[in-house]
Amino acid sequence: MIYKLIIGNIIALVASILMVYSGFIKKKKKILYIQTTQIGLSVVSNIILGGITGAIINFLCCIRNILYYNKKLNTFFKVLLTILSIILSLKFNNSGFIGLLPLISMVSYIWLMSVKNIIGFKSLIIFSTTMWLIYDFSIKSYTSSIFDFMNIVANFISILQILYEKKEY
C-alpha cells in the first residue's frame, strides 16, 4: 500500500510542477496545452491513489481541453461532457461529498472557460483548483495538495501583475 502512495505522489509531483508552471503563463492556448498534459498525468496518479471520481473527471477534462484548444467545444460537447461527468461521478463516487468536488470543478470550468478576460479565466482556475485541493488532500495526494495551493497563489500573483501592468504611473 505504501508503494502506491509513493508512486501516486511522484506522478502527482510531475503533474503538479506543470500545473504551477501554467499559472505563470499569460497566453490562454499555452495554458490549455500545459494543463492538458498535467491533467493526463493526474489521471494516472488518481487511479493509483484510489481517487476514482478524480480520474474520471480528469480524463473528461483532457477531452474538454482538446476540444476547446481545437475550437470544437460547442454547446453540444459541453452538455455531453457535463452529462457524462455527472453520471460517471455519481455512479463511481467512493468518497461521499468530497468525491463530488472534481465534478463541481469540471462543470463550472467547462461552462465558464470561454471567458475572454484573462483575469476572469485565472479566477476560474483559482476556484477550480480550490476544489481539487480539498479532494487531493482527501485521497492522500499530498504533493498535489501542496501544488494546488501553490497554483492558487501563482494565479493570484499573476492577476496582481496583470492589474499592475494596466495601471499607469
N, C-alpha and C. Protein backbone atom coordinates (compact mmCIF):
# COMPACT_ATOMS: atom_id res chain seq x y z
N MET A 1 0.82 -1.20 0.00
CA MET A 1 0.00 0.00 0.00
C MET A 1 0.86 1.26 0.00
N ILE A 2 1.96 1.26 0.73
CA ILE A 2 2.82 2.44 0.81
C ILE A 2 3.45 2.73 -0.55
N TYR A 3 3.75 1.67 -1.33
CA TYR A 3 4.35 1.89 -2.65
C TYR A 3 3.37 2.62 -3.56
N LYS A 4 2.06 2.33 -3.45
CA LYS A 4 1.07 3.04 -4.25
C LYS A 4 1.03 4.52 -3.86
N LEU A 5 1.14 4.78 -2.58
CA LEU A 5 1.13 6.16 -2.09
C LEU A 5 2.35 6.92 -2.64
N ILE A 6 3.50 6.27 -2.62
CA ILE A 6 4.73 6.91 -3.10
C ILE A 6 4.68 7.11 -4.62
N ILE A 7 4.34 6.07 -5.36
CA ILE A 7 4.28 6.18 -6.82
C ILE A 7 3.23 7.20 -7.25
N GLY A 8 2.06 7.13 -6.64
CA GLY A 8 0.99 8.08 -6.95
C GLY A 8 1.42 9.52 -6.70
N ASN A 9 2.15 9.74 -5.61
CA ASN A 9 2.59 11.09 -5.29
C ASN A 9 3.75 11.55 -6.16
N ILE A 10 4.58 10.63 -6.63
CA ILE A 10 5.66 11.02 -7.56
C ILE A 10 5.06 11.48 -8.90
N ILE A 11 4.10 10.72 -9.40
CA ILE A 11 3.43 11.12 -10.65
C ILE A 11 2.69 12.44 -10.44
N ALA A 12 2.04 12.56 -9.29
CA ALA A 12 1.34 13.81 -8.97
C ALA A 12 2.31 14.98 -8.88
N LEU A 13 3.52 14.73 -8.42
CA LEU A 13 4.54 15.78 -8.33
C LEU A 13 4.87 16.33 -9.72
N VAL A 14 5.09 15.43 -10.67
CA VAL A 14 5.40 15.87 -12.03
C VAL A 14 4.22 16.67 -12.61
N ALA A 15 3.02 16.15 -12.42
CA ALA A 15 1.82 16.85 -12.90
C ALA A 15 1.70 18.21 -12.22
N SER A 16 1.99 18.25 -10.94
CA SER A 16 1.86 19.48 -10.18
C SER A 16 2.84 20.55 -10.60
N ILE A 17 4.04 20.14 -10.95
CA ILE A 17 5.03 21.11 -11.44
C ILE A 17 4.52 21.77 -12.72
N LEU A 18 3.92 20.98 -13.59
CA LEU A 18 3.33 21.53 -14.81
C LEU A 18 2.17 22.47 -14.49
N MET A 19 1.37 22.11 -13.50
CA MET A 19 0.22 22.93 -13.11
C MET A 19 0.68 24.31 -12.64
N VAL A 20 1.69 24.33 -11.79
CA VAL A 20 2.18 25.62 -11.28
C VAL A 20 2.79 26.43 -12.41
N TYR A 21 3.53 25.78 -13.26
CA TYR A 21 4.12 26.46 -14.41
C TYR A 21 3.03 27.15 -15.24
N SER A 22 1.91 26.47 -15.43
CA SER A 22 0.81 27.05 -16.22
C SER A 22 0.25 28.31 -15.56
N GLY A 23 0.39 28.41 -14.25
CA GLY A 23 -0.11 29.59 -13.54
C GLY A 23 0.64 30.86 -13.88
N PHE A 24 1.86 30.74 -14.39
CA PHE A 24 2.66 31.91 -14.74
C PHE A 24 2.57 32.28 -16.22
N ILE A 25 1.87 31.47 -16.97
CA ILE A 25 1.73 31.72 -18.41
C ILE A 25 0.58 32.70 -18.62
N LYS A 26 0.76 33.60 -19.56
CA LYS A 26 -0.26 34.62 -19.80
C LYS A 26 -1.01 34.42 -21.11
N LYS A 27 -0.69 33.36 -21.85
CA LYS A 27 -1.37 33.05 -23.11
C LYS A 27 -2.29 31.85 -22.89
N LYS A 28 -3.57 32.05 -23.17
CA LYS A 28 -4.59 31.05 -22.87
C LYS A 28 -4.34 29.71 -23.56
N LYS A 29 -3.97 29.73 -24.85
CA LYS A 29 -3.74 28.47 -25.58
C LYS A 29 -2.59 27.67 -24.97
N LYS A 30 -1.54 28.35 -24.58
CA LYS A 30 -0.41 27.66 -23.98
C LYS A 30 -0.79 27.11 -22.60
N ILE A 31 -1.59 27.87 -21.85
CA ILE A 31 -2.09 27.39 -20.55
C ILE A 31 -2.84 26.07 -20.76
N LEU A 32 -3.73 26.05 -21.75
CA LEU A 32 -4.53 24.85 -22.01
C LEU A 32 -3.67 23.66 -22.42
N TYR A 33 -2.64 23.90 -23.22
CA TYR A 33 -1.75 22.82 -23.66
C TYR A 33 -1.02 22.20 -22.46
N ILE A 34 -0.45 23.04 -21.62
CA ILE A 34 0.28 22.56 -20.44
C ILE A 34 -0.69 21.88 -19.47
N GLN A 35 -1.87 22.47 -19.29
CA GLN A 35 -2.87 21.87 -18.39
C GLN A 35 -3.31 20.49 -18.87
N THR A 36 -3.46 20.31 -20.16
CA THR A 36 -3.90 19.02 -20.68
C THR A 36 -2.86 17.93 -20.39
N THR A 37 -1.60 18.26 -20.55
CA THR A 37 -0.53 17.32 -20.21
C THR A 37 -0.56 17.00 -18.71
N GLN A 38 -0.70 18.03 -17.91
CA GLN A 38 -0.76 17.88 -16.45
C GLN A 38 -1.96 17.02 -16.04
N ILE A 39 -3.10 17.25 -16.66
CA ILE A 39 -4.31 16.51 -16.31
C ILE A 39 -4.17 15.04 -16.67
N GLY A 40 -3.53 14.75 -17.81
CA GLY A 40 -3.29 13.35 -18.19
C GLY A 40 -2.48 12.61 -17.14
N LEU A 41 -1.44 13.25 -16.63
CA LEU A 41 -0.65 12.64 -15.56
C LEU A 41 -1.48 12.49 -14.28
N SER A 42 -2.37 13.43 -14.05
CA SER A 42 -3.23 13.36 -12.86
C SER A 42 -4.20 12.19 -12.92
N VAL A 43 -4.63 11.82 -14.12
CA VAL A 43 -5.49 10.64 -14.27
C VAL A 43 -4.77 9.43 -13.70
N VAL A 44 -3.53 9.25 -14.11
CA VAL A 44 -2.74 8.10 -13.66
C VAL A 44 -2.55 8.15 -12.13
N SER A 45 -2.19 9.30 -11.61
CA SER A 45 -1.98 9.46 -10.17
C SER A 45 -3.26 9.15 -9.39
N ASN A 46 -4.39 9.68 -9.87
CA ASN A 46 -5.66 9.45 -9.18
C ASN A 46 -6.02 7.97 -9.16
N ILE A 47 -5.79 7.27 -10.26
CA ILE A 47 -6.10 5.84 -10.30
C ILE A 47 -5.26 5.10 -9.27
N ILE A 48 -3.98 5.40 -9.22
CA ILE A 48 -3.08 4.73 -8.28
C ILE A 48 -3.49 5.01 -6.84
N LEU A 49 -3.92 6.24 -6.56
CA LEU A 49 -4.28 6.62 -5.18
C LEU A 49 -5.74 6.31 -4.82
N GLY A 50 -6.49 5.73 -5.76
CA GLY A 50 -7.88 5.34 -5.46
C GLY A 50 -8.88 6.46 -5.62
N GLY A 51 -8.50 7.55 -6.25
CA GLY A 51 -9.42 8.66 -6.48
C GLY A 51 -10.18 8.46 -7.78
N ILE A 52 -11.22 7.65 -7.71
CA ILE A 52 -11.93 7.25 -8.92
C ILE A 52 -12.61 8.43 -9.60
N THR A 53 -13.36 9.23 -8.84
CA THR A 53 -14.04 10.37 -9.49
C THR A 53 -13.02 11.37 -10.01
N GLY A 54 -11.92 11.53 -9.32
CA GLY A 54 -10.87 12.42 -9.81
C GLY A 54 -10.31 11.95 -11.13
N ALA A 55 -10.09 10.63 -11.26
CA ALA A 55 -9.56 10.08 -12.51
C ALA A 55 -10.57 10.26 -13.64
N ILE A 56 -11.83 10.00 -13.36
CA ILE A 56 -12.88 10.15 -14.38
C ILE A 56 -12.96 11.61 -14.85
N ILE A 57 -13.04 12.51 -13.89
CA ILE A 57 -13.17 13.93 -14.23
C ILE A 57 -11.93 14.42 -14.96
N ASN A 58 -10.75 14.01 -14.50
CA ASN A 58 -9.53 14.42 -15.19
C ASN A 58 -9.50 13.92 -16.63
N PHE A 59 -9.92 12.70 -16.86
CA PHE A 59 -9.98 12.17 -18.21
C PHE A 59 -10.91 13.01 -19.08
N LEU A 60 -12.08 13.32 -18.55
CA LEU A 60 -13.03 14.15 -19.29
C LEU A 60 -12.50 15.58 -19.48
N CYS A 61 -11.71 16.05 -18.52
CA CYS A 61 -11.09 17.38 -18.66
C CYS A 61 -10.08 17.40 -19.80
N CYS A 62 -9.37 16.31 -20.00
CA CYS A 62 -8.45 16.23 -21.14
C CYS A 62 -9.22 16.37 -22.44
N ILE A 63 -10.32 15.66 -22.54
CA ILE A 63 -11.16 15.75 -23.73
C ILE A 63 -11.67 17.17 -23.90
N ARG A 64 -12.14 17.77 -22.81
CA ARG A 64 -12.64 19.15 -22.84
C ARG A 64 -11.57 20.11 -23.36
N ASN A 65 -10.36 20.01 -22.82
CA ASN A 65 -9.29 20.92 -23.22
C ASN A 65 -8.90 20.72 -24.68
N ILE A 66 -8.86 19.49 -25.13
CA ILE A 66 -8.53 19.21 -26.53
C ILE A 66 -9.60 19.80 -27.45
N LEU A 67 -10.86 19.61 -27.09
CA LEU A 67 -11.95 20.20 -27.89
C LEU A 67 -11.85 21.72 -27.90
N TYR A 68 -11.60 22.31 -26.74
CA TYR A 68 -11.52 23.76 -26.65
C TYR A 68 -10.33 24.29 -27.43
N TYR A 69 -9.19 23.64 -27.27
CA TYR A 69 -7.97 24.06 -27.96
C TYR A 69 -8.18 24.07 -29.48
N ASN A 70 -8.93 23.08 -29.97
CA ASN A 70 -9.19 22.96 -31.40
C ASN A 70 -10.46 23.70 -31.84
N LYS A 71 -10.99 24.53 -30.95
CA LYS A 71 -12.18 25.36 -31.22
C LYS A 71 -13.39 24.51 -31.60
N LYS A 72 -13.53 23.37 -30.95
CA LYS A 72 -14.67 22.49 -31.22
C LYS A 72 -15.54 22.29 -29.99
N LEU A 73 -15.24 22.99 -28.92
CA LEU A 73 -16.03 22.83 -27.69
C LEU A 73 -17.28 23.71 -27.79
N ASN A 74 -18.28 23.18 -28.48
CA ASN A 74 -19.53 23.90 -28.65
C ASN A 74 -20.53 23.46 -27.56
N THR A 75 -21.72 23.99 -27.63
CA THR A 75 -22.72 23.68 -26.61
C THR A 75 -23.03 22.19 -26.55
N PHE A 76 -23.09 21.53 -27.69
CA PHE A 76 -23.37 20.10 -27.71
C PHE A 76 -22.34 19.33 -26.88
N PHE A 77 -21.04 19.60 -27.12
CA PHE A 77 -19.99 18.89 -26.39
C PHE A 77 -19.97 19.30 -24.91
N LYS A 78 -20.29 20.54 -24.61
CA LYS A 78 -20.36 20.97 -23.21
C LYS A 78 -21.45 20.19 -22.47
N VAL A 79 -22.60 20.09 -23.10
CA VAL A 79 -23.72 19.34 -22.50
C VAL A 79 -23.34 17.88 -22.36
N LEU A 80 -22.78 17.30 -23.41
CA LEU A 80 -22.37 15.89 -23.39
C LEU A 80 -21.36 15.63 -22.27
N LEU A 81 -20.32 16.45 -22.19
CA LEU A 81 -19.30 16.26 -21.15
C LEU A 81 -19.88 16.49 -19.75
N THR A 82 -20.79 17.44 -19.63
CA THR A 82 -21.43 17.69 -18.33
C THR A 82 -22.25 16.49 -17.91
N ILE A 83 -23.06 15.95 -18.81
CA ILE A 83 -23.89 14.78 -18.50
C ILE A 83 -23.02 13.58 -18.16
N LEU A 84 -21.99 13.33 -18.97
CA LEU A 84 -21.08 12.21 -18.69
C LEU A 84 -20.41 12.38 -17.32
N SER A 85 -19.99 13.60 -17.02
CA SER A 85 -19.34 13.88 -15.73
C SER A 85 -20.28 13.58 -14.57
N ILE A 86 -21.50 14.03 -14.69
CA ILE A 86 -22.48 13.83 -13.61
C ILE A 86 -22.79 12.34 -13.44
N ILE A 87 -23.11 11.67 -14.53
CA ILE A 87 -23.48 10.24 -14.46
C ILE A 87 -22.32 9.40 -13.91
N LEU A 88 -21.12 9.57 -14.48
CA LEU A 88 -19.99 8.75 -14.06
C LEU A 88 -19.55 9.08 -12.62
N SER A 89 -19.59 10.35 -12.26
CA SER A 89 -19.21 10.72 -10.88
C SER A 89 -20.18 10.15 -9.86
N LEU A 90 -21.47 10.24 -10.15
CA LEU A 90 -22.45 9.71 -9.21
C LEU A 90 -22.38 8.18 -9.13
N LYS A 91 -22.12 7.54 -10.26
CA LYS A 91 -22.05 6.07 -10.28
C LYS A 91 -20.82 5.53 -9.57
N PHE A 92 -19.65 6.17 -9.75
CA PHE A 92 -18.41 5.61 -9.25
C PHE A 92 -17.84 6.35 -8.03
N ASN A 93 -18.54 7.34 -7.52
CA ASN A 93 -18.04 8.09 -6.37
C ASN A 93 -17.87 7.16 -5.17
N ASN A 94 -16.67 7.14 -4.62
CA ASN A 94 -16.38 6.33 -3.44
C ASN A 94 -15.92 7.20 -2.26
N SER A 95 -16.19 8.50 -2.34
CA SER A 95 -15.68 9.42 -1.31
C SER A 95 -16.72 10.38 -0.77
N GLY A 96 -18.00 10.07 -0.91
CA GLY A 96 -19.04 10.95 -0.38
C GLY A 96 -19.02 12.32 -1.05
N PHE A 97 -19.32 13.37 -0.28
CA PHE A 97 -19.38 14.72 -0.84
C PHE A 97 -18.03 15.14 -1.42
N ILE A 98 -16.94 14.76 -0.75
CA ILE A 98 -15.60 15.12 -1.23
C ILE A 98 -15.39 14.59 -2.65
N GLY A 99 -15.93 13.43 -2.94
CA GLY A 99 -15.80 12.84 -4.27
C GLY A 99 -16.53 13.62 -5.35
N LEU A 100 -17.40 14.52 -4.95
CA LEU A 100 -18.13 15.34 -5.92
C LEU A 100 -17.41 16.65 -6.25
N LEU A 101 -16.38 16.99 -5.50
CA LEU A 101 -15.67 18.24 -5.74
C LEU A 101 -15.04 18.31 -7.14
N PRO A 102 -14.44 17.22 -7.64
CA PRO A 102 -13.95 17.29 -9.02
C PRO A 102 -15.07 17.56 -10.02
N LEU A 103 -16.25 17.02 -9.76
CA LEU A 103 -17.41 17.26 -10.62
C LEU A 103 -17.79 18.75 -10.60
N ILE A 104 -17.84 19.33 -9.42
CA ILE A 104 -18.16 20.76 -9.30
C ILE A 104 -17.13 21.58 -10.07
N SER A 105 -15.88 21.22 -9.91
CA SER A 105 -14.81 21.91 -10.62
C SER A 105 -15.00 21.80 -12.13
N MET A 106 -15.25 20.61 -12.61
CA MET A 106 -15.40 20.36 -14.05
C MET A 106 -16.58 21.12 -14.64
N VAL A 107 -17.72 21.02 -14.00
CA VAL A 107 -18.92 21.65 -14.56
C VAL A 107 -18.78 23.17 -14.59
N SER A 108 -18.25 23.75 -13.52
CA SER A 108 -18.08 25.21 -13.51
C SER A 108 -17.04 25.63 -14.56
N TYR A 109 -15.98 24.86 -14.66
CA TYR A 109 -14.91 25.20 -15.60
C TYR A 109 -15.38 25.11 -17.04
N ILE A 110 -16.09 24.04 -17.36
CA ILE A 110 -16.50 23.84 -18.75
C ILE A 110 -17.44 24.93 -19.25
N TRP A 111 -18.28 25.43 -18.36
CA TRP A 111 -19.25 26.44 -18.78
C TRP A 111 -18.71 27.85 -18.70
N LEU A 112 -17.60 28.04 -17.99
CA LEU A 112 -17.05 29.39 -17.84
C LEU A 112 -15.69 29.59 -18.51
N MET A 113 -15.10 28.53 -19.05
CA MET A 113 -13.74 28.64 -19.58
C MET A 113 -13.62 29.50 -20.83
N SER A 114 -14.73 29.81 -21.46
CA SER A 114 -14.66 30.62 -22.67
C SER A 114 -14.61 32.12 -22.36
N VAL A 115 -14.52 32.47 -21.10
CA VAL A 115 -14.40 33.87 -20.72
C VAL A 115 -13.18 34.47 -21.43
N LYS A 116 -13.35 35.63 -22.01
CA LYS A 116 -12.28 36.25 -22.79
C LYS A 116 -11.25 36.95 -21.91
N ASN A 117 -11.68 37.45 -20.79
CA ASN A 117 -10.83 38.21 -19.89
C ASN A 117 -9.87 37.27 -19.16
N ILE A 118 -8.56 37.51 -19.28
CA ILE A 118 -7.56 36.62 -18.66
C ILE A 118 -7.68 36.63 -17.13
N ILE A 119 -8.09 37.74 -16.55
CA ILE A 119 -8.27 37.78 -15.10
C ILE A 119 -9.44 36.89 -14.69
N GLY A 120 -10.51 36.94 -15.46
CA GLY A 120 -11.65 36.05 -15.19
C GLY A 120 -11.26 34.60 -15.35
N PHE A 121 -10.45 34.30 -16.37
CA PHE A 121 -10.01 32.93 -16.61
C PHE A 121 -9.12 32.44 -15.46
N LYS A 122 -8.21 33.27 -15.02
CA LYS A 122 -7.34 32.89 -13.91
C LYS A 122 -8.13 32.77 -12.61
N SER A 123 -9.16 33.57 -12.43
CA SER A 123 -10.03 33.44 -11.25
C SER A 123 -10.77 32.11 -11.28
N LEU A 124 -11.19 31.70 -12.46
CA LEU A 124 -11.82 30.39 -12.62
C LEU A 124 -10.85 29.27 -12.25
N ILE A 125 -9.60 29.41 -12.67
CA ILE A 125 -8.58 28.42 -12.32
C ILE A 125 -8.42 28.35 -10.80
N ILE A 126 -8.43 29.50 -10.13
CA ILE A 126 -8.31 29.53 -8.67
C ILE A 126 -9.46 28.78 -8.02
N PHE A 127 -10.69 29.03 -8.47
CA PHE A 127 -11.86 28.33 -7.92
C PHE A 127 -11.76 26.83 -8.15
N SER A 128 -11.47 26.46 -9.39
CA SER A 128 -11.38 25.06 -9.76
C SER A 128 -10.29 24.34 -8.96
N THR A 129 -9.15 24.98 -8.82
CA THR A 129 -8.04 24.38 -8.09
C THR A 129 -8.34 24.23 -6.61
N THR A 130 -9.14 25.14 -6.07
CA THR A 130 -9.54 25.02 -4.66
C THR A 130 -10.35 23.74 -4.44
N MET A 131 -11.23 23.41 -5.38
CA MET A 131 -12.00 22.16 -5.29
C MET A 131 -11.04 20.96 -5.29
N TRP A 132 -10.04 21.03 -6.17
CA TRP A 132 -9.07 19.93 -6.27
C TRP A 132 -8.17 19.86 -5.04
N LEU A 133 -7.84 20.99 -4.45
CA LEU A 133 -7.01 21.00 -3.24
C LEU A 133 -7.66 20.15 -2.16
N ILE A 134 -8.93 20.36 -1.93
CA ILE A 134 -9.65 19.60 -0.90
C ILE A 134 -9.71 18.12 -1.28
N TYR A 135 -10.04 17.83 -2.52
CA TYR A 135 -10.15 16.45 -2.98
C TYR A 135 -8.80 15.73 -2.92
N ASP A 136 -7.77 16.37 -3.44
CA ASP A 136 -6.44 15.74 -3.46
C ASP A 136 -5.96 15.40 -2.06
N PHE A 137 -6.17 16.32 -1.13
CA PHE A 137 -5.76 16.04 0.25
C PHE A 137 -6.52 14.82 0.80
N SER A 138 -7.79 14.71 0.45
CA SER A 138 -8.60 13.60 0.97
C SER A 138 -8.15 12.25 0.43
N ILE A 139 -7.57 12.20 -0.78
CA ILE A 139 -7.11 10.91 -1.32
C ILE A 139 -5.61 10.69 -1.06
N LYS A 140 -5.04 11.54 -0.23
CA LYS A 140 -3.63 11.46 0.17
C LYS A 140 -2.66 11.77 -0.97
N SER A 141 -3.10 12.60 -1.87
CA SER A 141 -2.21 13.09 -2.93
C SER A 141 -1.58 14.37 -2.39
N TYR A 142 -0.64 14.17 -1.49
CA TYR A 142 -0.08 15.29 -0.75
C TYR A 142 0.73 16.23 -1.64
N THR A 143 1.45 15.67 -2.60
CA THR A 143 2.20 16.55 -3.50
C THR A 143 1.22 17.41 -4.31
N SER A 144 0.13 16.81 -4.76
CA SER A 144 -0.87 17.58 -5.49
C SER A 144 -1.46 18.68 -4.62
N SER A 145 -1.75 18.35 -3.37
CA SER A 145 -2.34 19.33 -2.46
C SER A 145 -1.42 20.54 -2.27
N ILE A 146 -0.15 20.28 -2.07
CA ILE A 146 0.81 21.37 -1.90
C ILE A 146 0.85 22.23 -3.16
N PHE A 147 0.91 21.57 -4.30
CA PHE A 147 1.00 22.30 -5.55
C PHE A 147 -0.32 22.94 -5.95
N ASP A 148 -1.45 22.35 -5.55
CA ASP A 148 -2.73 23.02 -5.77
C ASP A 148 -2.69 24.39 -5.09
N PHE A 149 -2.23 24.39 -3.86
CA PHE A 149 -2.12 25.64 -3.12
C PHE A 149 -1.18 26.61 -3.84
N MET A 150 -0.04 26.09 -4.28
CA MET A 150 0.93 26.94 -4.99
C MET A 150 0.34 27.48 -6.31
N ASN A 151 -0.47 26.67 -6.98
CA ASN A 151 -1.12 27.11 -8.21
C ASN A 151 -2.11 28.24 -7.93
N ILE A 152 -2.83 28.12 -6.85
CA ILE A 152 -3.76 29.18 -6.45
C ILE A 152 -2.98 30.47 -6.22
N VAL A 153 -1.88 30.38 -5.49
CA VAL A 153 -1.05 31.55 -5.22
C VAL A 153 -0.46 32.11 -6.51
N ALA A 154 0.06 31.24 -7.39
CA ALA A 154 0.67 31.70 -8.65
C ALA A 154 -0.34 32.45 -9.51
N ASN A 155 -1.54 31.92 -9.60
CA ASN A 155 -2.56 32.60 -10.41
C ASN A 155 -2.99 33.91 -9.78
N PHE A 156 -3.04 33.95 -8.46
CA PHE A 156 -3.38 35.19 -7.76
C PHE A 156 -2.29 36.24 -8.02
N ILE A 157 -1.03 35.84 -7.92
CA ILE A 157 0.08 36.76 -8.20
C ILE A 157 0.03 37.23 -9.65
N SER A 158 -0.25 36.32 -10.56
CA SER A 158 -0.35 36.68 -11.97
C SER A 158 -1.46 37.70 -12.20
N ILE A 159 -2.58 37.53 -11.54
CA ILE A 159 -3.67 38.51 -11.63
C ILE A 159 -3.20 39.87 -11.14
N LEU A 160 -2.50 39.88 -10.01
CA LEU A 160 -1.99 41.14 -9.48
C LEU A 160 -1.00 41.79 -10.45
N GLN A 161 -0.14 40.99 -11.08
CA GLN A 161 0.81 41.52 -12.05
C GLN A 161 0.09 42.12 -13.26
N ILE A 162 -0.93 41.43 -13.73
CA ILE A 162 -1.70 41.94 -14.87
C ILE A 162 -2.37 43.26 -14.51
N LEU A 163 -2.95 43.32 -13.32
CA LEU A 163 -3.59 44.55 -12.87
C LEU A 163 -2.57 45.68 -12.71
N TYR A 164 -1.40 45.35 -12.20
CA TYR A 164 -0.34 46.34 -12.03
C TYR A 164 0.13 46.88 -13.38
N GLU A 165 0.26 45.99 -14.37
CA GLU A 165 0.71 46.39 -15.70
C GLU A 165 -0.29 47.31 -16.39
N LYS A 166 -1.57 47.18 -16.04
CA LYS A 166 -2.60 48.00 -16.65
C LYS A 166 -2.65 49.42 -16.07
N LYS A 167 -2.11 49.60 -14.88
CA LYS A 167 -2.11 50.91 -14.25
C LYS A 167 -0.99 51.76 -14.84
N GLU A 168 -1.25 53.04 -14.94
CA GLU A 168 -0.23 53.95 -15.43
C GLU A 168 0.28 54.77 -14.26
N TYR A 169 1.59 54.86 -14.15
CA TYR A 169 2.20 55.63 -13.06
C TYR A 169 3.04 56.72 -13.61
